[in-house]
Amino acid sequence: SQFYDTDLNVFLNGRQVVGQCPIEGCSSEKGYADECSLG
């Protein structure tokens, strides 16, 4: 499954999605589609 913006009807690339990294203990301030700012 890939992120899709229903307002703009486009698939979103890695940096067009921002959230919280799901990796336990990660201190990154930014999680993207499939990797966070700490890799």
PDB file of all heavy atoms in Angstrom:
ATOM      1  N   SER A   1       0.843  -1.195   0.000  1.00  0.00           N
ATOM      2  CA  SER A   1       0.000   0.000   0.000  1.00  0.00           C
ATOM      3  C   SER A   1       0.879   1.246   0.000  1.00  0.00           C
ATOM      4  O   SER A   1       1.849   1.326   0.755  1.00  0.00           O
ATOM      5  CB  SER A   1      -0.905   0.008   1.232  1.00  0.00           C
ATOM      6  OG  SER A   1      -1.815  -1.070   1.192  1.00  0.00           O
ATOM      7  N   GLN A   2       0.555   2.177  -0.864  1.00  0.00           N
ATOM      8  CA  GLN A   2       1.284   3.439  -0.935  1.00  0.00           C
ATOM      9  C   GLN A   2       0.331   4.584  -0.608  1.00  0.00           C
ATOM     10  O   GLN A   2      -0.871   4.513  -0.874  1.00  0.00           O
ATOM     11  CB  GLN A   2       1.881   3.647  -2.332  1.00  0.00           C
ATOM     12  CG  GLN A   2       2.721   4.910  -2.447  1.00  0.00           C
ATOM     13  CD  GLN A   2       3.443   4.993  -3.784  1.00  0.00           C
ATOM     14  OE1 GLN A   2       3.735   3.966  -4.402  1.00  0.00           O
ATOM     15  NE2 GLN A   2       3.729   6.198  -4.228  1.00  0.00           N
ATOM     16  N   PHE A   3       0.889   5.633  -0.033  1.00  0.00           N
ATOM     17  CA  PHE A   3       0.061   6.771   0.340  1.00  0.00           C
ATOM     18  C   PHE A   3      -0.491   7.466  -0.903  1.00  0.00           C
ATOM     19  O   PHE A   3       0.219   7.655  -1.894  1.00  0.00           O
ATOM     20  CB  PHE A   3       0.877   7.759   1.176  1.00  0.00           C
ATOM     21  CG  PHE A   3       1.243   7.219   2.531  1.00  0.00           C
ATOM     22  CD1 PHE A   3       2.549   6.844   2.827  1.00  0.00           C
ATOM     23  CD2 PHE A   3       0.277   7.070   3.517  1.00  0.00           C
ATOM     24  CE1 PHE A   3       2.881   6.336   4.065  1.00  0.00           C
ATOM     25  CE2 PHE A   3       0.597   6.565   4.760  1.00  0.00           C
ATOM     26  CZ  PHE A   3       1.903   6.197   5.039  1.00  0.00           C
ATOM     27  N   TYR A   4      -1.771   7.833  -0.809  1.00  0.00           N
ATOM     28  CA  TYR A   4      -2.469   8.467  -1.935  1.00  0.00           C
ATOM     29  C   TYR A   4      -3.274   9.644  -1.393  1.00  0.00           C
ATOM     30  O   TYR A   4      -4.071   9.500  -0.462  1.00  0.00           O
ATOM     31  CB  TYR A   4      -3.406   7.461  -2.615  1.00  0.00           C
ATOM     32  CG  TYR A   4      -4.045   7.960  -3.880  1.00  0.00           C
ATOM     33  CD1 TYR A   4      -3.379   7.870  -5.096  1.00  0.00           C
ATOM     34  CD2 TYR A   4      -5.328   8.522  -3.857  1.00  0.00           C
ATOM     35  CE1 TYR A   4      -3.974   8.325  -6.273  1.00  0.00           C
ATOM     36  CE2 TYR A   4      -5.924   8.976  -5.028  1.00  0.00           C
ATOM     37  CZ  TYR A   4      -5.240   8.879  -6.232  1.00  0.00           C
ATOM     38  OH  TYR A   4      -5.821   9.334  -7.394  1.00  0.00           O
ATOM     39  N   ASP A   5      -3.042  10.819  -1.970  1.00  0.00           N
ATOM     40  CA  ASP A   5      -3.759  12.029  -1.558  1.00  0.00           C
ATOM     41  C   ASP A   5      -5.067  12.111  -2.344  1.00  0.00           C
ATOM     42  O   ASP A   5      -5.066  12.359  -3.556  1.00  0.00           O
ATOM     43  CB  ASP A   5      -2.893  13.269  -1.811  1.00  0.00           C
ATOM     44  CG  ASP A   5      -3.444  14.514  -1.144  1.00  0.00           C
ATOM     45  OD1 ASP A   5      -4.670  14.738  -1.211  1.00  0.00           O
ATOM     46  OD2 ASP A   5      -2.649  15.274  -0.559  1.00  0.00           O
ATOM     47  N   THR A   6      -6.175  11.883  -1.649  1.00  0.00           N
ATOM     48  CA  THR A   6      -7.473  11.851  -2.336  1.00  0.00           C
ATOM     49  C   THR A   6      -7.945  13.240  -2.734  1.00  0.00           C
ATOM     50  O   THR A   6      -8.773  13.375  -3.640  1.00  0.00           O
ATOM     51  CB  THR A   6      -8.532  11.199  -1.428  1.00  0.00           C
ATOM     52  OG1 THR A   6      -8.559  11.882  -0.165  1.00  0.00           O
ATOM     53  CG2 THR A   6      -8.198   9.733  -1.206  1.00  0.00           C
ATOM     54  N   ASP A   7      -7.453  14.281  -2.087  1.00  0.00           N
ATOM     55  CA  ASP A   7      -7.821  15.646  -2.472  1.00  0.00           C
ATOM     56  C   ASP A   7      -7.228  16.012  -3.830  1.00  0.00           C
ATOM     57  O   ASP A   7      -7.865  16.673  -4.654  1.00  0.00           O
ATOM     58  CB  ASP A   7      -7.332  16.648  -1.423  1.00  0.00           C
ATOM     59  CG  ASP A   7      -8.280  16.752  -0.242  1.00  0.00           C
ATOM     60  OD1 ASP A   7      -9.109  15.822  -0.082  1.00  0.00           O
ATOM     61  OD2 ASP A   7      -8.192  17.731   0.512  1.00  0.00           O
ATOM     62  N   LEU A   8      -5.973  15.578  -4.049  1.00  0.00           N
ATOM     63  CA  LEU A   8      -5.267  15.954  -5.276  1.00  0.00           C
ATOM     64  C   LEU A   8      -5.187  14.804  -6.281  1.00  0.00           C
ATOM     65  O   LEU A   8      -4.678  14.988  -7.388  1.00  0.00           O
ATOM     66  CB  LEU A   8      -3.848  16.429  -4.933  1.00  0.00           C
ATOM     67  CG  LEU A   8      -3.777  17.634  -3.976  1.00  0.00           C
ATOM     68  CD1 LEU A   8      -2.325  17.948  -3.626  1.00  0.00           C
ATOM     69  CD2 LEU A   8      -4.447  18.854  -4.609  1.00  0.00           C
ATOM     70  N   ASN A   9      -5.664  13.628  -5.880  1.00  0.00           N
ATOM     71  CA  ASN A   9      -5.665  12.445  -6.752  1.00  0.00           C
ATOM     72  C   ASN A   9      -4.270  12.102  -7.276  1.00  0.00           C
ATOM     73  O   ASN A   9      -4.058  11.916  -8.479  1.00  0.00           O
ATOM     74  CB  ASN A   9      -6.634  12.651  -7.935  1.00  0.00           C
ATOM     75  CG  ASN A   9      -8.074  12.752  -7.467  1.00  0.00           C
ATOM     76  OD1 ASN A   9      -8.502  12.001  -6.580  1.00  0.00           O
ATOM     77  ND2 ASN A   9      -8.813  13.689  -8.036  1.00  0.00           N
ATOM     78  N   VAL A  10      -3.292  12.037  -6.340  1.00  0.00           N
ATOM     79  CA  VAL A  10      -1.922  11.672  -6.721  1.00  0.00           C
ATOM     80  C   VAL A  10      -1.333  10.745  -5.661  1.00  0.00           C
ATOM     81  O   VAL A  10      -1.654  10.839  -4.473  1.00  0.00           O
ATOM     82  CB  VAL A  10      -1.000  12.913  -6.870  1.00  0.00           C
ATOM     83  CG1 VAL A  10      -1.405  13.771  -8.047  1.00  0.00           C
ATOM     84  CG2 VAL A  10      -0.959  13.729  -5.579  1.00  0.00           C
ATOM     85  N   PHE A  11      -0.455   9.821  -6.143  1.00  0.00           N
ATOM     86  CA  PHE A  11       0.349   9.053  -5.200  1.00  0.00           C
ATOM     87  C   PHE A  11       1.404   9.981  -4.611  1.00  0.00           C
ATOM     88  O   PHE A  11       1.914  10.895  -5.286  1.00  0.00           O
ATOM     89  CB  PHE A  11       1.034   7.876  -5.905  1.00  0.00           C
ATOM     90  CG  PHE A  11       0.138   6.691  -6.106  1.00  0.00           C
ATOM     91  CD1 PHE A  11      -0.391   6.405  -7.360  1.00  0.00           C
ATOM     92  CD2 PHE A  11      -0.169   5.858  -5.031  1.00  0.00           C
ATOM     93  CE1 PHE A  11      -1.220   5.303  -7.541  1.00  0.00           C
ATOM     94  CE2 PHE A  11      -0.997   4.754  -5.208  1.00  0.00           C
ATOM     95  CZ  PHE A  11      -1.525   4.480  -6.464  1.00  0.00           C
ATOM     96  N   LEU A  12       1.748   9.760  -3.374  1.00  0.00           N
ATOM     97  CA  LEU A  12       2.713  10.615  -2.682  1.00  0.00           C
ATOM     98  C   LEU A  12       4.071   9.926  -2.622  1.00  0.00           C
ATOM     99  O   LEU A  12       4.169   8.751  -2.265  1.00  0.00           O
ATOM    100  CB  LEU A  12       2.215  10.921  -1.266  1.00  0.00           C
ATOM    101  CG  LEU A  12       0.854  11.627  -1.183  1.00  0.00           C
ATOM    102  CD1 LEU A  12       0.402  11.736   0.268  1.00  0.00           C
ATOM    103  CD2 LEU A  12       0.919  13.011  -1.827  1.00  0.00           C
ATOM    104  N   ASN A  13       5.125  10.672  -2.974  1.00  0.00           N
ATOM    105  CA  ASN A  13       6.461  10.100  -2.867  1.00  0.00           C
ATOM    106  C   ASN A  13       6.971  10.234  -1.432  1.00  0.00           C
ATOM    107  O   ASN A  13       6.291  10.780  -0.558  1.00  0.00           O
ATOM    108  CB  ASN A  13       7.431  10.745  -3.874  1.00  0.00           C
ATOM    109  CG  ASN A  13       7.666  12.222  -3.609  1.00  0.00           C
ATOM    110  OD1 ASN A  13       7.819  12.646  -2.465  1.00  0.00           O
ATOM    111  ND2 ASN A  13       7.710  13.024  -4.669  1.00  0.00           N
ATOM    112  N   GLY A  14       8.170   9.731  -1.185  1.00  0.00           N
ATOM    113  CA  GLY A  14       8.681   9.582   0.172  1.00  0.00           C
ATOM    114  C   GLY A  14       8.576  10.808   1.057  1.00  0.00           C
ATOM    115  O   GLY A  14       8.133  10.720   2.206  1.00  0.00           O
ATOM    116  N   ARG A  15       8.988  11.977   0.563  1.00  0.00           N
ATOM    117  CA  ARG A  15       9.026  13.174   1.392  1.00  0.00           C
ATOM    118  C   ARG A  15       7.723  13.962   1.361  1.00  0.00           C
ATOM    119  O   ARG A  15       7.635  15.025   1.972  1.00  0.00           O
ATOM    120  CB  ARG A  15      10.187  14.082   0.945  1.00  0.00           C
ATOM    121  CG  ARG A  15      11.577  13.470   1.203  1.00  0.00           C
ATOM    122  CD  ARG A  15      11.807  13.206   2.674  1.00  0.00           C
ATOM    123  NE  ARG A  15      13.062  12.508   2.929  1.00  0.00           N
ATOM    124  CZ  ARG A  15      14.193  13.094   3.304  1.00  0.00           C
ATOM    125  NH1 ARG A  15      14.226  14.400   3.476  1.00  0.00           N
ATOM    126  NH2 ARG A  15      15.276  12.380   3.521  1.00  0.00           N
ATOM    127  N   GLN A  16       6.720  13.466   0.644  1.00  0.00           N
ATOM    128  CA  GLN A  16       5.426  14.152   0.614  1.00  0.00           C
ATOM    129  C   GLN A  16       4.477  13.609   1.679  1.00  0.00           C
ATOM    130  O   GLN A  16       3.313  13.951   1.713  1.00  0.00           O
ATOM    131  CB  GLN A  16       4.799  14.017  -0.781  1.00  0.00           C
ATOM    132  CG  GLN A  16       5.554  14.822  -1.830  1.00  0.00           C
ATOM    133  CD  GLN A  16       5.038  14.603  -3.233  1.00  0.00           C
ATOM    134  OE1 GLN A  16       4.412  13.585  -3.528  1.00  0.00           O
ATOM    135  NE2 GLN A  16       5.299  15.554  -4.112  1.00  0.00           N
ATOM    136  N   VAL A  17       5.027  12.740   2.548  1.00  0.00           N
ATOM    137  CA  VAL A  17       4.274  12.221   3.686  1.00  0.00           C
ATOM    138  C   VAL A  17       5.135  12.398   4.924  1.00  0.00           C
ATOM    139  O   VAL A  17       6.328  12.076   4.912  1.00  0.00           O
ATOM    140  CB  VAL A  17       3.944  10.722   3.517  1.00  0.00           C
ATOM    141  CG1 VAL A  17       3.134  10.222   4.710  1.00  0.00           C
ATOM    142  CG2 VAL A  17       3.193  10.480   2.226  1.00  0.00           C
ATOM    143  N   VAL A  18       4.534  12.917   5.986  1.00  0.00           N
ATOM    144  CA  VAL A  18       5.274  13.112   7.240  1.00  0.00           C
ATOM    145  C   VAL A  18       4.459  12.533   8.384  1.00  0.00           C
ATOM    146  O   VAL A  18       3.240  12.727   8.462  1.00  0.00           O
ATOM    147  CB  VAL A  18       5.557  14.608   7.504  1.00  0.00           C
ATOM    148  CG1 VAL A  18       6.283  14.782   8.824  1.00  0.00           C
ATOM    149  CG2 VAL A  18       6.387  15.199   6.384  1.00  0.00           C
ATOM    150  N   GLY A  19       5.134  11.789   9.261  1.00  0.00           N
ATOM    151  CA  GLY A  19       4.485  11.239  10.444  1.00  0.00           C
ATOM    152  C   GLY A  19       5.523  10.902  11.485  1.00  0.00           C
ATOM    153  O   GLY A  19       6.640  11.431  11.455  1.00  0.00           O
ATOM    154  N   GLN A  20       5.181   9.999  12.389  1.00  0.00           N
ATOM    155  CA  GLN A  20       6.100   9.568  13.433  1.00  0.00           C
ATOM    156  C   GLN A  20       6.707   8.224  13.057  1.00  0.00           C
ATOM    157  O   GLN A  20       6.003   7.305  12.627  1.00  0.00           O
ATOM    158  CB  GLN A  20       5.368   9.427  14.772  1.00  0.00           C
ATOM    159  CG  GLN A  20       4.849  10.734  15.340  1.00  0.00           C
ATOM    160  CD  GLN A  20       3.991  10.467  16.566  1.00  0.00           C
ATOM    161  OE1 GLN A  20       2.762  10.505  16.518  1.00  0.00           O
ATOM    162  NE2 GLN A  20       4.638  10.179  17.680  1.00  0.00           N
ATOM    163  N   CYS A  21       8.013   8.121  13.230  1.00  0.00           N
ATOM    164  CA  CYS A  21       8.699   6.856  12.939  1.00  0.00           C
ATOM    165  C   CYS A  21       8.164   5.760  13.855  1.00  0.00           C
ATOM    166  O   CYS A  21       8.065   5.952  15.069  1.00  0.00           O
ATOM    167  CB  CYS A  21      10.208   7.022  13.131  1.00  0.00           C
ATOM    168  SG  CYS A  21      11.140   5.499  12.869  1.00  0.00           S
ATOM    169  N   PRO A  22       7.834   4.588  13.296  1.00  0.00           N
ATOM    170  CA  PRO A  22       7.278   3.509  14.118  1.00  0.00           C
ATOM    171  C   PRO A  22       8.325   2.638  14.807  1.00  0.00           C
ATOM    172  O   PRO A  22       7.973   1.726  15.554  1.00  0.00           O
ATOM    173  CB  PRO A  22       6.499   2.679  13.096  1.00  0.00           C
ATOM    174  CG  PRO A  22       7.279   2.840  11.830  1.00  0.00           C
ATOM    175  CD  PRO A  22       7.798   4.255  11.849  1.00  0.00           C
ATOM    176  N   ILE A  23       9.611   2.904  14.558  1.00  0.00           N
ATOM    177  CA  ILE A  23      10.662   2.070  15.141  1.00  0.00           C
ATOM    178  C   ILE A  23      10.838   2.410  16.616  1.00  0.00           C
ATOM    179  O   ILE A  23      11.042   3.579  16.972  1.00  0.00           O
ATOM    180  CB  ILE A  23      11.995   2.241  14.385  1.00  0.00           C
ATOM    181  CG1 ILE A  23      11.826   1.840  12.914  1.00  0.00           C
ATOM    182  CG2 ILE A  23      13.100   1.437  15.049  1.00  0.00           C
ATOM    183  CD1 ILE A  23      11.462   0.395  12.694  1.00  0.00           C
ATOM    184  N   GLU A  24      10.798   1.416  17.467  1.00  0.00           N
ATOM    185  CA  GLU A  24      10.917   1.603  18.904  1.00  0.00           C
ATOM    186  C   GLU A  24      12.254   2.270  19.254  1.00  0.00           C
ATOM    187  O   GLU A  24      13.318   1.864  18.785  1.00  0.00           O
ATOM    188  CB  GLU A  24      10.834   0.245  19.618  1.00  0.00           C
ATOM    189  CG  GLU A  24      11.030   0.304  21.110  1.00  0.00           C
ATOM    190  CD  GLU A  24       9.883   0.980  21.838  1.00  0.00           C
ATOM    191  OE1 GLU A  24       8.801   1.159  21.222  1.00  0.00           O
ATOM    192  OE2 GLU A  24      10.057   1.327  23.012  1.00  0.00           O
ATOM    193  N   GLY A  25      12.175   3.329  20.068  1.00  0.00           N
ATOM    194  CA  GLY A  25      13.372   4.021  20.528  1.00  0.00           C
ATOM    195  C   GLY A  25      13.908   5.062  19.573  1.00  0.00           C
ATOM    196  O   GLY A  25      14.913   5.715  19.869  1.00  0.00           O
ATOM    197  N   CYS A  26      13.264   5.252  18.425  1.00  0.00           N
ATOM    198  CA  CYS A  26      13.756   6.229  17.458  1.00  0.00           C
ATOM    199  C   CYS A  26      13.504   7.646  17.965  1.00  0.00           C
ATOM    200  O   CYS A  26      12.419   7.962  18.441  1.00  0.00           O
ATOM    201  CB  CYS A  26      13.077   6.029  16.098  1.00  0.00           C
ATOM    202  SG  CYS A  26      13.607   7.233  14.851  1.00  0.00           S
ATOM    203  N   SER A  27      14.524   8.509  17.813  1.00  0.00           N
ATOM    204  CA  SER A  27      14.404   9.898  18.270  1.00  0.00           C
ATOM    205  C   SER A  27      14.202  10.873  17.124  1.00  0.00           C
ATOM    206  O   SER A  27      14.262  12.086  17.319  1.00  0.00           O
ATOM    207  CB  SER A  27      15.671  10.293  19.046  1.00  0.00           C
ATOM    208  OG  SER A  27      16.820  10.159  18.219  1.00  0.00           O
ATOM    209  N   SER A  28      13.972  10.342  15.919  1.00  0.00           N
ATOM    210  CA  SER A  28      13.789  11.215  14.760  1.00  0.00           C
ATOM    211  C   SER A  28      12.566  12.109  14.929  1.00  0.00           C
ATOM    212  O   SER A  28      11.528  11.686  15.433  1.00  0.00           O
ATOM    213  CB  SER A  28      13.624  10.372  13.491  1.00  0.00           C
ATOM    214  OG  SER A  28      13.214  11.173  12.404  1.00  0.00           O
ATOM    215  N   GLU A  29      12.709  13.334  14.483  1.00  0.00           N
ATOM    216  CA  GLU A  29      11.578  14.266  14.515  1.00  0.00           C
ATOM    217  C   GLU A  29      10.682  14.097  13.294  1.00  0.00           C
ATOM    218  O   GLU A  29       9.570  14.619  13.262  1.00  0.00           O
ATOM    219  CB  GLU A  29      12.101  15.703  14.580  1.00  0.00           C
ATOM    220  CG  GLU A  29      12.913  16.002  15.837  1.00  0.00           C
ATOM    221  CD  GLU A  29      13.483  17.404  15.822  1.00  0.00           C
ATOM    222  OE1 GLU A  29      13.249  18.130  14.837  1.00  0.00           O
ATOM    223  OE2 GLU A  29      14.162  17.770  16.793  1.00  0.00           O
ATOM    224  N   LYS A  30      11.185  13.379  12.279  1.00  0.00           N
ATOM    225  CA  LYS A  30      10.420  13.245  11.041  1.00  0.00           C
ATOM    226  C   LYS A  30      10.487  11.815  10.518  1.00  0.00           C
ATOM    227  O   LYS A  30      11.557  11.276  10.274  1.00  0.00           O
ATOM    228  CB  LYS A  30      10.955  14.199   9.971  1.00  0.00           C
ATOM    229  CG  LYS A  30      10.718  15.670  10.281  1.00  0.00           C
ATOM    230  CD  LYS A  30      11.230  16.559   9.166  1.00  0.00           C
ATOM    231  CE  LYS A  30      10.975  18.034   9.472  1.00  0.00           C
ATOM    232  NZ  LYS A  30      11.490  18.926   8.408  1.00  0.00           N
ATOM    233  N   GLY A  31       9.293  11.214  10.358  1.00  0.00           N
ATOM    234  CA  GLY A  31       9.192   9.945   9.666  1.00  0.00           C
ATOM    235  C   GLY A  31       8.532  10.192   8.321  1.00  0.00           C
ATOM    236  O   GLY A  31       7.521  10.902   8.241  1.00  0.00           O
ATOM    237  N   TYR A  32       9.107   9.630   7.258  1.00  0.00           N
ATOM    238  CA  TYR A  32       8.548   9.807   5.921  1.00  0.00           C
ATOM    239  C   TYR A  32       7.850   8.505   5.502  1.00  0.00           C
ATOM    240  O   TYR A  32       7.577   7.651   6.327  1.00  0.00           O
ATOM    241  CB  TYR A  32       9.642  10.213   4.942  1.00  0.00           C
ATOM    242  CG  TYR A  32      10.364  11.472   5.371  1.00  0.00           C
ATOM    243  CD1 TYR A  32      11.687  11.430   5.796  1.00  0.00           C
ATOM    244  CD2 TYR A  32       9.702  12.706   5.394  1.00  0.00           C
ATOM    245  CE1 TYR A  32      12.348  12.578   6.210  1.00  0.00           C
ATOM    246  CE2 TYR A  32      10.350  13.863   5.808  1.00  0.00           C
ATOM    247  CZ  TYR A  32      11.672  13.788   6.214  1.00  0.00           C
ATOM    248  OH  TYR A  32      12.319  14.925   6.632  1.00  0.00           O
ATOM    249  N   ALA A  33       7.588   8.353   4.218  1.00  0.00           N
ATOM    250  CA  ALA A  33       6.758   7.242   3.751  1.00  0.00           C
ATOM    251  C   ALA A  33       7.263   5.881   4.212  1.00  0.00           C
ATOM    252  O   ALA A  33       6.507   5.080   4.747  1.00  0.00           O
ATOM    253  CB  ALA A  33       6.652   7.271   2.229  1.00  0.00           C
ATOM    254  N   ASP A  34       8.564   5.595   3.994  1.00  0.00           N
ATOM    255  CA  ASP A  34       9.074   4.284   4.402  1.00  0.00           C
ATOM    256  C   ASP A  34      10.447   4.354   5.054  1.00  0.00           C
ATOM    257  O   ASP A  34      11.125   3.347   5.217  1.00  0.00           O
ATOM    258  CB  ASP A  34       9.108   3.314   3.219  1.00  0.00           C
ATOM    259  CG  ASP A  34       9.840   3.881   2.018  1.00  0.00           C
ATOM    260  OD1 ASP A  34      10.476   4.944   2.153  1.00  0.00           O
ATOM    261  OD2 ASP A  34       9.775   3.259   0.950  1.00  0.00           O
ATOM    262  N   GLU A  35      10.893   5.550   5.421  1.00  0.00           N
ATOM    263  CA  GLU A  35      12.121   5.717   6.192  1.00  0.00           C
ATOM    264  C   GLU A  35      12.048   7.040   6.947  1.00  0.00           C
ATOM    265  O   GLU A  35      11.381   7.984   6.518  1.00  0.00           O
ATOM    266  CB  GLU A  35      13.365   5.710   5.298  1.00  0.00           C
ATOM    267  CG  GLU A  35      13.457   6.910   4.368  1.00  0.00           C
ATOM    268  CD  GLU A  35      14.835   7.073   3.752  1.00  0.00           C
ATOM    269  OE1 GLU A  35      15.828   6.691   4.392  1.00  0.00           O
ATOM    270  OE2 GLU A  35      14.912   7.602   2.631  1.00  0.00           O
ATOM    271  N   CYS A  36      12.731   7.088   8.091  1.00  0.00           N
ATOM    272  CA  CYS A  36      12.733   8.333   8.854  1.00  0.00           C
ATOM    273  C   CYS A  36      14.019   9.095   8.591  1.00  0.00           C
ATOM    274  O   CYS A  36      14.911   8.626   7.892  1.00  0.00           O
ATOM    275  CB  CYS A  36      12.551   8.047  10.347  1.00  0.00           C
ATOM    276  SG  CYS A  36      14.029   7.375  11.144  1.00  0.00           S
ATOM    277  N   SER A  37      14.136  10.278   9.177  1.00  0.00           N
ATOM    278  CA  SER A  37      15.304  11.123   8.928  1.00  0.00           C
ATOM    279  C   SER A  37      16.586  10.526   9.492  1.00  0.00           C
ATOM    280  O   SER A  37      17.677  10.982   9.157  1.00  0.00           O
ATOM    281  CB  SER A  37      15.076  12.514   9.528  1.00  0.00           C
ATOM    282  OG  SER A  37      14.872  12.430  10.931  1.00  0.00           O
ATOM    283  N   LEU A  38      16.480   9.501  10.353  1.00  0.00           N
ATOM    284  CA  LEU A  38      17.660   8.824  10.883  1.00  0.00           C
ATOM    285  C   LEU A  38      17.963   7.531  10.135  1.00  0.00           C
ATOM    286  O   LEU A  38      18.830   6.761  10.532  1.00  0.00           O
ATOM    287  CB  LEU A  38      17.480   8.533  12.378  1.00  0.00           C
ATOM    288  CG  LEU A  38      17.443   9.767  13.284  1.00  0.00           C
ATOM    289  CD1 LEU A  38      17.294   9.358  14.737  1.00  0.00           C
ATOM    290  CD2 LEU A  38      18.691  10.621  13.102  1.00  0.00           C
ATOM    291  N   GLY A  39      17.228   7.266   9.049  1.00  0.00           N
ATOM    292  CA  GLY A  39      17.535   6.128   8.187  1.00  0.00           C
ATOM    293  C   GLY A  39      16.872   4.824   8.549  1.00  0.00           C
ATOM    294  O   GLY A  39      17.155   3.791   7.940  1.00  0.00           O
TER     295      GLY A  39
END
